[in-house]
């Protein structure tokens, strides 16, 4: 058995938006970005949905802002971890 293809974690969308906004995908290669995304998402609570449009209508603005703030913090922590890992290899 597998989950339906439409089911996904809404935090993934917010993480991708923030990565693009910060242009992190231009700073790191795909391998680093895959680890980076796992690090970020593992810090966040899952929020599984079927359709993004449902979140647009039913998610209160205050909750969306809180989710974005959580993502920003998780990304900052992941950036610090990458910097530490990089300095160990230099």
PDB file of N, CA and C in Angstrom:
ATOM      1  N   UNK A   1       0.830  -1.181   0.000  1.00  0.00           N
ATOM      2  CA  UNK A   1       0.000   0.000   0.000  1.00  0.00           C
ATOM      3  C   UNK A   1       0.874   1.243   0.000  1.00  0.00           C
ATOM      4  N   UNK A   2       0.413   2.274  -0.660  1.00  0.00           N
ATOM      5  CA  UNK A   2       1.118   3.553  -0.616  1.00  0.00           C
ATOM      6  C   UNK A   2       0.103   4.675  -0.484  1.00  0.00           C
ATOM      7  N   UNK A   3       0.564   5.792  -0.017  1.00  0.00           N
ATOM      8  CA  UNK A   3      -0.318   6.944   0.117  1.00  0.00           C
ATOM      9  C   UNK A   3      -0.695   7.485  -1.249  1.00  0.00           C
ATOM     10  N   UNK A   4      -1.764   8.177  -1.304  1.00  0.00           N
ATOM     11  CA  UNK A   4      -2.226   8.798  -2.535  1.00  0.00           C
ATOM     12  C   UNK A   4      -1.205   9.841  -3.012  1.00  0.00           C
ATOM     13  N   UNK A   5      -1.034   9.968  -4.318  1.00  0.00           N
ATOM     14  CA  UNK A   5      -0.060  10.903  -4.887  1.00  0.00           C
ATOM     15  C   UNK A   5      -0.338  12.358  -4.521  1.00  0.00           C
ATOM     16  N   UNK A   6      -1.587  12.701  -4.243  1.00  0.00           N
ATOM     17  CA  UNK A   6      -1.939  14.087  -3.935  1.00  0.00           C
ATOM     18  C   UNK A   6      -1.603  14.485  -2.501  1.00  0.00           C
ATOM     19  N   UNK A   7      -1.354  13.532  -1.628  1.00  0.00           N
ATOM     20  CA  UNK A   7      -1.093  13.844  -0.229  1.00  0.00           C
ATOM     21  C   UNK A   7       0.352  14.304  -0.082  1.00  0.00           C
ATOM     22  N   UNK A   8       0.516  15.461   0.554  1.00  0.00           N
ATOM     23  CA  UNK A   8       1.864  15.975   0.791  1.00  0.00           C
ATOM     24  C   UNK A   8       1.880  16.872   2.022  1.00  0.00           C
ATOM     25  N   UNK A   9       3.065  17.165   2.494  1.00  0.00           N
ATOM     26  CA  UNK A   9       3.264  18.009   3.656  1.00  0.00           C
ATOM     27  C   UNK A   9       3.269  19.463   3.188  1.00  0.00           C
ATOM     28  N   UNK A  10       2.332  20.261   3.686  1.00  0.00           N
ATOM     29  CA  UNK A  10       2.231  21.655   3.256  1.00  0.00           C
ATOM     30  C   UNK A  10       3.492  22.454   3.581  1.00  0.00           C
ATOM     31  N   UNK A  11       4.216  22.046   4.616  1.00  0.00           N
ATOM     32  CA  UNK A  11       5.462  22.749   4.943  1.00  0.00           C
ATOM     33  C   UNK A  11       6.467  22.685   3.793  1.00  0.00           C
ATOM     34  N   UNK A  12       6.403  21.630   2.968  1.00  0.00           N
ATOM     35  CA  UNK A  12       7.323  21.536   1.826  1.00  0.00           C
ATOM     36  C   UNK A  12       7.182  22.743   0.911  1.00  0.00           C
ATOM     37  N   UNK A  13       5.957  23.166   0.674  1.00  0.00           N
ATOM     38  CA  UNK A  13       5.699  24.323  -0.189  1.00  0.00           C
ATOM     39  C   UNK A  13       6.305  25.598   0.404  1.00  0.00           C
ATOM     40  N   UNK A  14       6.118  25.780   1.708  1.00  0.00           N
ATOM     41  CA  UNK A  14       6.650  26.983   2.361  1.00  0.00           C
ATOM     42  C   UNK A  14       8.174  26.953   2.376  1.00  0.00           C
ATOM     43  N   UNK A  15       8.750  25.787   2.598  1.00  0.00           N
ATOM     44  CA  UNK A  15      10.209  25.651   2.587  1.00  0.00           C
ATOM     45  C   UNK A  15      10.758  26.002   1.202  1.00  0.00           C
ATOM     46  N   UNK A  16      10.159  25.480   0.174  1.00  0.00           N
ATOM     47  CA  UNK A  16      10.608  25.772  -1.194  1.00  0.00           C
ATOM     48  C   UNK A  16      10.498  27.264  -1.493  1.00  0.00           C
ATOM     49  N   UNK A  17       9.395  27.881  -1.088  1.00  0.00           N
ATOM     50  CA  UNK A  17       9.221  29.323  -1.293  1.00  0.00           C
ATOM     51  C   UNK A  17      10.354  30.107  -0.633  1.00  0.00           C
ATOM     52  N   UNK A  18      10.702  29.724   0.589  1.00  0.00           N
ATOM     53  CA  UNK A  18      11.755  30.433   1.328  1.00  0.00           C
ATOM     54  C   UNK A  18      13.133  30.171   0.721  1.00  0.00           C
ATOM     55  N   UNK A  19      13.372  28.960   0.257  1.00  0.00           N
ATOM     56  CA  UNK A  19      14.645  28.645  -0.405  1.00  0.00           C
ATOM     57  C   UNK A  19      14.815  29.499  -1.653  1.00  0.00           C
ATOM     58  N   UNK A  20      13.763  29.615  -2.430  1.00  0.00           N
ATOM     59  CA  UNK A  20      13.815  30.428  -3.653  1.00  0.00           C
ATOM     60  C   UNK A  20      14.006  31.898  -3.309  1.00  0.00           C
ATOM     61  N   UNK A  21      13.276  32.366  -2.293  1.00  0.00           N
ATOM     62  CA  UNK A  21      13.380  33.763  -1.869  1.00  0.00           C
ATOM     63  C   UNK A  21      14.810  34.111  -1.459  1.00  0.00           C
ATOM     64  N   UNK A  22      15.447  33.194  -0.747  1.00  0.00           N
ATOM     65  CA  UNK A  22      16.825  33.429  -0.280  1.00  0.00           C
ATOM     66  C   UNK A  22      17.875  33.022  -1.303  1.00  0.00           C
ATOM     67  N   UNK A  23      17.435  32.434  -2.404  1.00  0.00           N
ATOM     68  CA  UNK A  23      18.319  31.962  -3.468  1.00  0.00           C
ATOM     69  C   UNK A  23      19.332  30.933  -2.972  1.00  0.00           C
ATOM     70  N   UNK A  24      18.916  30.126  -2.024  1.00  0.00           N
ATOM     71  CA  UNK A  24      19.802  29.101  -1.475  1.00  0.00           C
ATOM     72  C   UNK A  24      20.094  28.011  -2.498  1.00  0.00           C
ATOM     73  N   UNK A  25      19.142  27.772  -3.393  1.00  0.00           N
ATOM     74  CA  UNK A  25      19.340  26.757  -4.432  1.00  0.00           C
ATOM     75  C   UNK A  25      20.463  27.141  -5.393  1.00  0.00           C
ATOM     76  N   UNK A  26      20.853  28.415  -5.405  1.00  0.00           N
ATOM     77  CA  UNK A  26      21.958  28.873  -6.248  1.00  0.00           C
ATOM     78  C   UNK A  26      23.298  28.790  -5.512  1.00  0.00           C
ATOM     79  N   UNK A  27      23.229  28.650  -4.186  1.00  0.00           N
ATOM     80  CA  UNK A  27      24.447  28.601  -3.376  1.00  0.00           C
ATOM     81  C   UNK A  27      24.970  27.187  -3.168  1.00  0.00           C
ATOM     82  N   UNK A  28      24.059  26.209  -3.193  1.00  0.00           N
ATOM     83  CA  UNK A  28      24.430  24.835  -2.882  1.00  0.00           C
ATOM     84  C   UNK A  28      24.071  23.909  -4.033  1.00  0.00           C
ATOM     85  N   UNK A  29      24.820  22.834  -4.184  1.00  0.00           N
ATOM     86  CA  UNK A  29      24.511  21.857  -5.237  1.00  0.00           C
ATOM     87  C   UNK A  29      23.314  20.998  -4.822  1.00  0.00           C
ATOM     88  N   UNK A  30      22.841  20.166  -5.729  1.00  0.00           N
ATOM     89  CA  UNK A  30      21.634  19.367  -5.483  1.00  0.00           C
ATOM     90  C   UNK A  30      21.795  18.413  -4.311  1.00  0.00           C
ATOM     91  N   UNK A  31      22.969  17.840  -4.174  1.00  0.00           N
ATOM     92  CA  UNK A  31      23.219  16.902  -3.079  1.00  0.00           C
ATOM     93  C   UNK A  31      23.107  17.611  -1.726  1.00  0.00           C
ATOM     94  N   UNK A  32      23.722  18.763  -1.618  1.00  0.00           N
ATOM     95  CA  UNK A  32      23.657  19.545  -0.379  1.00  0.00           C
ATOM     96  C   UNK A  32      22.217  20.005  -0.143  1.00  0.00           C
ATOM     97  N   UNK A  33      21.520  20.420  -1.186  1.00  0.00           N
ATOM     98  CA  UNK A  33      20.142  20.885  -1.043  1.00  0.00           C
ATOM     99  C   UNK A  33      19.222  19.770  -0.561  1.00  0.00           C
ATOM    100  N   UNK A  34      19.446  18.550  -1.003  1.00  0.00           N
ATOM    101  CA  UNK A  34      18.619  17.430  -0.549  1.00  0.00           C
ATOM    102  C   UNK A  34      18.793  17.231   0.958  1.00  0.00           C
ATOM    103  N   UNK A  35      20.044  17.220   1.422  1.00  0.00           N
ATOM    104  CA  UNK A  35      20.309  17.097   2.864  1.00  0.00           C
ATOM    105  C   UNK A  35      19.754  18.307   3.619  1.00  0.00           C
ATOM    106  N   UNK A  36      19.924  19.468   3.039  1.00  0.00           N
ATOM    107  CA  UNK A  36      19.444  20.711   3.638  1.00  0.00           C
ATOM    108  C   UNK A  36      17.928  20.655   3.850  1.00  0.00           C
ATOM    109  N   UNK A  37      17.202  20.249   2.824  1.00  0.00           N
ATOM    110  CA  UNK A  37      15.740  20.178   2.913  1.00  0.00           C
ATOM    111  C   UNK A  37      15.303  19.166   3.969  1.00  0.00           C
ATOM    112  N   UNK A  38      15.971  18.043   4.046  1.00  0.00           N
ATOM    113  CA  UNK A  38      15.654  17.049   5.080  1.00  0.00           C
ATOM    114  C   UNK A  38      15.884  17.643   6.465  1.00  0.00           C
ATOM    115  N   UNK A  39      16.989  18.345   6.638  1.00  0.00           N
ATOM    116  CA  UNK A  39      17.304  18.972   7.919  1.00  0.00           C
ATOM    117  C   UNK A  39      16.234  19.978   8.309  1.00  0.00           C
ATOM    118  N   UNK A  40      15.815  20.785   7.356  1.00  0.00           N
ATOM    119  CA  UNK A  40      14.780  21.795   7.624  1.00  0.00           C
ATOM    120  C   UNK A  40      13.454  21.122   7.964  1.00  0.00           C
ATOM    121  N   UNK A  41      13.007  20.216   7.115  1.00  0.00           N
ATOM    122  CA  UNK A  41      11.693  19.592   7.308  1.00  0.00           C
ATOM    123  C   UNK A  41      11.625  18.745   8.571  1.00  0.00           C
ATOM    124  N   UNK A  42      12.728  18.150   8.977  1.00  0.00           N
ATOM    125  CA  UNK A  42      12.729  17.349  10.203  1.00  0.00           C
ATOM    126  C   UNK A  42      12.571  18.195  11.461  1.00  0.00           C
ATOM    127  N   UNK A  43      12.763  19.491  11.345  1.00  0.00           N
ATOM    128  CA  UNK A  43      12.579  20.404  12.475  1.00  0.00           C
ATOM    129  C   UNK A  43      11.131  20.892  12.592  1.00  0.00           C
ATOM    130  N   UNK A  44      10.338  20.633  11.575  1.00  0.00           N
ATOM    131  CA  UNK A  44       8.981  21.170  11.502  1.00  0.00           C
ATOM    132  C   UNK A  44       7.935  20.089  11.729  1.00  0.00           C
ATOM    133  N   UNK A  45       6.800  20.471  12.311  1.00  0.00           N
ATOM    134  CA  UNK A  45       5.734  19.477  12.464  1.00  0.00           C
ATOM    135  C   UNK A  45       5.103  19.196  11.099  1.00  0.00           C
ATOM    136  N   UNK A  46       4.722  17.966  10.840  1.00  0.00           N
ATOM    137  CA  UNK A  46       4.080  17.691   9.546  1.00  0.00           C
ATOM    138  C   UNK A  46       2.687  18.320   9.484  1.00  0.00           C
ATOM    139  N   UNK A  47       2.323  18.744   8.312  1.00  0.00           N
ATOM    140  CA  UNK A  47       0.975  19.296   8.091  1.00  0.00           C
ATOM    141  C   UNK A  47       0.508  18.745   6.751  1.00  0.00           C
ATOM    142  N   UNK A  48      -0.022  17.533   6.785  1.00  0.00           N
ATOM    143  CA  UNK A  48      -0.398  16.854   5.557  1.00  0.00           C
ATOM    144  C   UNK A  48      -1.729  17.360   5.021  1.00  0.00           C
ATOM    145  N   UNK A  49      -1.752  17.565   3.730  1.00  0.00           N
ATOM    146  CA  UNK A  49      -2.952  18.024   3.044  1.00  0.00           C
ATOM    147  C   UNK A  49      -3.072  17.283   1.720  1.00  0.00           C
ATOM    148  N   UNK A  50      -4.213  17.428   1.132  1.00  0.00           N
ATOM    149  CA  UNK A  50      -4.409  16.844  -0.187  1.00  0.00           C
ATOM    150  C   UNK A  50      -4.316  17.908  -1.273  1.00  0.00           C
ATOM    151  N   UNK A  51      -4.937  19.047  -1.042  1.00  0.00           N
ATOM    152  CA  UNK A  51      -4.949  20.111  -2.048  1.00  0.00           C
ATOM    153  C   UNK A  51      -4.461  21.422  -1.435  1.00  0.00           C
ATOM    154  N   UNK A  52      -3.507  22.063  -2.095  1.00  0.00           N
ATOM    155  CA  UNK A  52      -3.001  23.356  -1.627  1.00  0.00           C
ATOM    156  C   UNK A  52      -4.110  24.399  -1.554  1.00  0.00           C
ATOM    157  N   UNK A  53      -5.054  24.328  -2.464  1.00  0.00           N
ATOM    158  CA  UNK A  53      -6.130  25.316  -2.502  1.00  0.00           C
ATOM    159  C   UNK A  53      -6.947  25.289  -1.212  1.00  0.00           C
ATOM    160  N   UNK A  54      -7.057  24.124  -0.575  1.00  0.00           N
ATOM    161  CA  UNK A  54      -7.769  24.038   0.703  1.00  0.00           C
ATOM    162  C   UNK A  54      -7.082  24.898   1.760  1.00  0.00           C
ATOM    163  N   UNK A  55      -5.779  24.878   1.758  1.00  0.00           N
ATOM    164  CA  UNK A  55      -5.034  25.682   2.728  1.00  0.00           C
ATOM    165  C   UNK A  55      -5.231  27.167   2.466  1.00  0.00           C
ATOM    166  N   UNK A  56      -5.344  27.551   1.219  1.00  0.00           N
ATOM    167  CA  UNK A  56      -5.543  28.960   0.889  1.00  0.00           C
ATOM    168  C   UNK A  56      -6.852  29.477   1.469  1.00  0.00           C
ATOM    169  N   UNK A  57      -7.871  28.648   1.504  1.00  0.00           N
ATOM    170  CA  UNK A  57      -9.183  29.074   1.987  1.00  0.00           C
ATOM    171  C   UNK A  57      -9.378  28.880   3.484  1.00  0.00           C
ATOM    172  N   UNK A  58      -8.784  27.837   4.054  1.00  0.00           N
ATOM    173  CA  UNK A  58      -9.097  27.479   5.434  1.00  0.00           C
ATOM    174  C   UNK A  58      -8.008  27.778   6.453  1.00  0.00           C
ATOM    175  N   UNK A  59      -6.823  28.157   6.002  1.00  0.00           N
ATOM    176  CA  UNK A  59      -5.732  28.449   6.931  1.00  0.00           C
ATOM    177  C   UNK A  59      -5.805  29.908   7.374  1.00  0.00           C
ATOM    178  N   UNK A  60      -5.988  30.154   8.670  1.00  0.00           N
ATOM    179  CA  UNK A  60      -6.012  31.543   9.145  1.00  0.00           C
ATOM    180  C   UNK A  60      -4.671  32.230   8.879  1.00  0.00           C
ATOM    181  N   UNK A  61      -4.711  33.512   8.583  1.00  0.00           N
ATOM    182  CA  UNK A  61      -3.506  34.277   8.256  1.00  0.00           C
ATOM    183  C   UNK A  61      -2.472  34.193   9.375  1.00  0.00           C
ATOM    184  N   UNK A  62      -2.925  34.260  10.618  1.00  0.00           N
ATOM    185  CA  UNK A  62      -1.995  34.198  11.754  1.00  0.00           C
ATOM    186  C   UNK A  62      -1.254  32.859  11.786  1.00  0.00           C
ATOM    187  N   UNK A  63      -1.947  31.782  11.455  1.00  0.00           N
ATOM    188  CA  UNK A  63      -1.305  30.467  11.440  1.00  0.00           C
ATOM    189  C   UNK A  63      -0.309  30.362  10.292  1.00  0.00           C
ATOM    190  N   UNK A  64      -0.647  30.932   9.144  1.00  0.00           N
ATOM    191  CA  UNK A  64       0.282  30.935   7.995  1.00  0.00           C
ATOM    192  C   UNK A  64       1.552  31.703   8.354  1.00  0.00           C
ATOM    193  N   UNK A  65       1.401  32.828   9.010  1.00  0.00           N
ATOM    194  CA  UNK A  65       2.560  33.627   9.428  1.00  0.00           C
ATOM    195  C   UNK A  65       3.425  32.821  10.401  1.00  0.00           C
ATOM    196  N   UNK A  66       2.781  32.136  11.344  1.00  0.00           N
ATOM    197  CA  UNK A  66       3.517  31.309  12.296  1.00  0.00           C
ATOM    198  C   UNK A  66       4.274  30.188  11.574  1.00  0.00           C
ATOM    199  N   UNK A  67       3.654  29.578  10.581  1.00  0.00           N
ATOM    200  CA  UNK A  67       4.311  28.520   9.815  1.00  0.00           C
ATOM    201  C   UNK A  67       5.528  29.083   9.078  1.00  0.00           C
ATOM    202  N   UNK A  68       5.383  30.261   8.490  1.00  0.00           N
ATOM    203  CA  UNK A  68       6.497  30.891   7.773  1.00  0.00           C
ATOM    204  C   UNK A  68       7.639  31.219   8.727  1.00  0.00           C
ATOM    205  N   UNK A  69       7.302  31.665   9.933  1.00  0.00           N
ATOM    206  CA  UNK A  69       8.333  31.968  10.931  1.00  0.00           C
ATOM    207  C   UNK A  69       9.067  30.692  11.346  1.00  0.00           C
ATOM    208  N   UNK A  70       8.338  29.601  11.532  1.00  0.00           N
ATOM    209  CA  UNK A  70       8.968  28.321  11.874  1.00  0.00           C
ATOM    210  C   UNK A  70       9.924  27.876  10.770  1.00  0.00           C
ATOM    211  N   UNK A  71       9.507  28.056   9.531  1.00  0.00           N
ATOM    212  CA  UNK A  71      10.351  27.681   8.392  1.00  0.00           C
ATOM    213  C   UNK A  71      11.621  28.522   8.377  1.00  0.00           C
ATOM    214  N   UNK A  72      11.487  29.826   8.594  1.00  0.00           N
ATOM    215  CA  UNK A  72      12.654  30.712   8.593  1.00  0.00           C
ATOM    216  C   UNK A  72      13.658  30.292   9.665  1.00  0.00           C
ATOM    217  N   UNK A  73      13.167  29.966  10.847  1.00  0.00           N
ATOM    218  CA  UNK A  73      14.047  29.519  11.935  1.00  0.00           C
ATOM    219  C   UNK A  73      14.727  28.203  11.567  1.00  0.00           C
ATOM    220  N   UNK A  74      13.958  27.252  11.045  1.00  0.00           N
ATOM    221  CA  UNK A  74      14.510  25.955  10.657  1.00  0.00           C
ATOM    222  C   UNK A  74      15.571  26.111   9.566  1.00  0.00           C
ATOM    223  N   UNK A  75      15.343  27.000   8.621  1.00  0.00           N
ATOM    224  CA  UNK A  75      16.320  27.245   7.550  1.00  0.00           C
ATOM    225  C   UNK A  75      17.589  27.867   8.126  1.00  0.00           C
ATOM    226  N   UNK A  76      17.438  28.815   9.037  1.00  0.00           N
ATOM    227  CA  UNK A  76      18.620  29.430   9.652  1.00  0.00           C
ATOM    228  C   UNK A  76      19.461  28.392  10.383  1.00  0.00           C
ATOM    229  N   UNK A  77      18.810  27.492  11.096  1.00  0.00           N
ATOM    230  CA  UNK A  77      19.533  26.426  11.801  1.00  0.00           C
ATOM    231  C   UNK A  77      20.257  25.515  10.805  1.00  0.00           C
ATOM    232  N   UNK A  78      19.585  25.163   9.715  1.00  0.00           N
ATOM    233  CA  UNK A  78      20.200  24.301   8.699  1.00  0.00           C
ATOM    234  C   UNK A  78      21.406  24.987   8.050  1.00  0.00           C
ATOM    235  N   UNK A  79      21.302  26.281   7.817  1.00  0.00           N
ATOM    236  CA  UNK A  79      22.426  27.037   7.240  1.00  0.00           C
ATOM    237  C   UNK A  79      23.622  26.989   8.195  1.00  0.00           C
ATOM    238  N   UNK A  80      23.359  27.159   9.491  1.00  0.00           N
ATOM    239  CA  UNK A  80      24.433  27.092  10.490  1.00  0.00           C
ATOM    240  C   UNK A  80      25.088  25.713  10.491  1.00  0.00           C
ATOM    241  N   UNK A  81      24.260  24.670  10.371  1.00  0.00           N
ATOM    242  CA  UNK A  81      24.803  23.307  10.357  1.00  0.00           C
ATOM    243  C   UNK A  81      25.670  23.068   9.130  1.00  0.00           C
ATOM    244  N   UNK A  82      25.245  23.589   7.993  1.00  0.00           N
ATOM    245  CA  UNK A  82      26.045  23.446   6.773  1.00  0.00           C
ATOM    246  C   UNK A  82      27.368  24.182   6.928  1.00  0.00           C
ATOM    247  N   UNK A  83      27.330  25.376   7.514  1.00  0.00           N
ATOM    248  CA  UNK A  83      28.553  26.156   7.710  1.00  0.00           C
ATOM    249  C   UNK A  83      29.525  25.414   8.633  1.00  0.00           C
ATOM    250  N   UNK A  84      28.995  24.813   9.706  1.00  0.00           N
ATOM    251  CA  UNK A  84      29.849  24.046  10.623  1.00  0.00           C
ATOM    252  C   UNK A  84      30.472  22.845   9.911  1.00  0.00           C
ATOM    253  N   UNK A  85      29.653  22.144   9.144  1.00  0.00           N
ATOM    254  CA  UNK A  85      30.124  20.959   8.414  1.00  0.00           C
ATOM    255  C   UNK A  85      31.205  21.355   7.400  1.00  0.00           C
ATOM    256  N   UNK A  86      30.980  22.502   6.731  1.00  0.00           N
ATOM    257  CA  UNK A  86      31.929  22.990   5.734  1.00  0.00           C
ATOM    258  C   UNK A  86      33.259  23.337   6.383  1.00  0.00           C
ATOM    259  N   UNK A  87      33.202  24.003   7.558  1.00  0.00           N
ATOM    260  CA  UNK A  87      34.437  24.403   8.223  1.00  0.00           C
ATOM    261  C   UNK A  87      35.224  23.195   8.728  1.00  0.00           C
ATOM    262  N   UNK A  88      34.553  22.111   9.046  1.00  0.00           N
ATOM    263  CA  UNK A  88      35.243  20.892   9.476  1.00  0.00           C
ATOM    264  C   UNK A  88      36.014  20.245   8.316  1.00  0.00           C
ATOM    265  N   UNK A  89      35.518  20.446   7.099  1.00  0.00           N
ATOM    266  CA  UNK A  89      36.152  19.827   5.925  1.00  0.00           C
ATOM    267  C   UNK A  89      37.204  20.716   5.283  1.00  0.00           C
ATOM    268  N   UNK A  90      37.388  21.907   5.802  1.00  0.00           N
ATOM    269  CA  UNK A  90      38.391  22.815   5.216  1.00  0.00           C
ATOM    270  C   UNK A  90      39.720  22.715   5.914  1.00  0.00           C
TER     271      UNK A  90
END
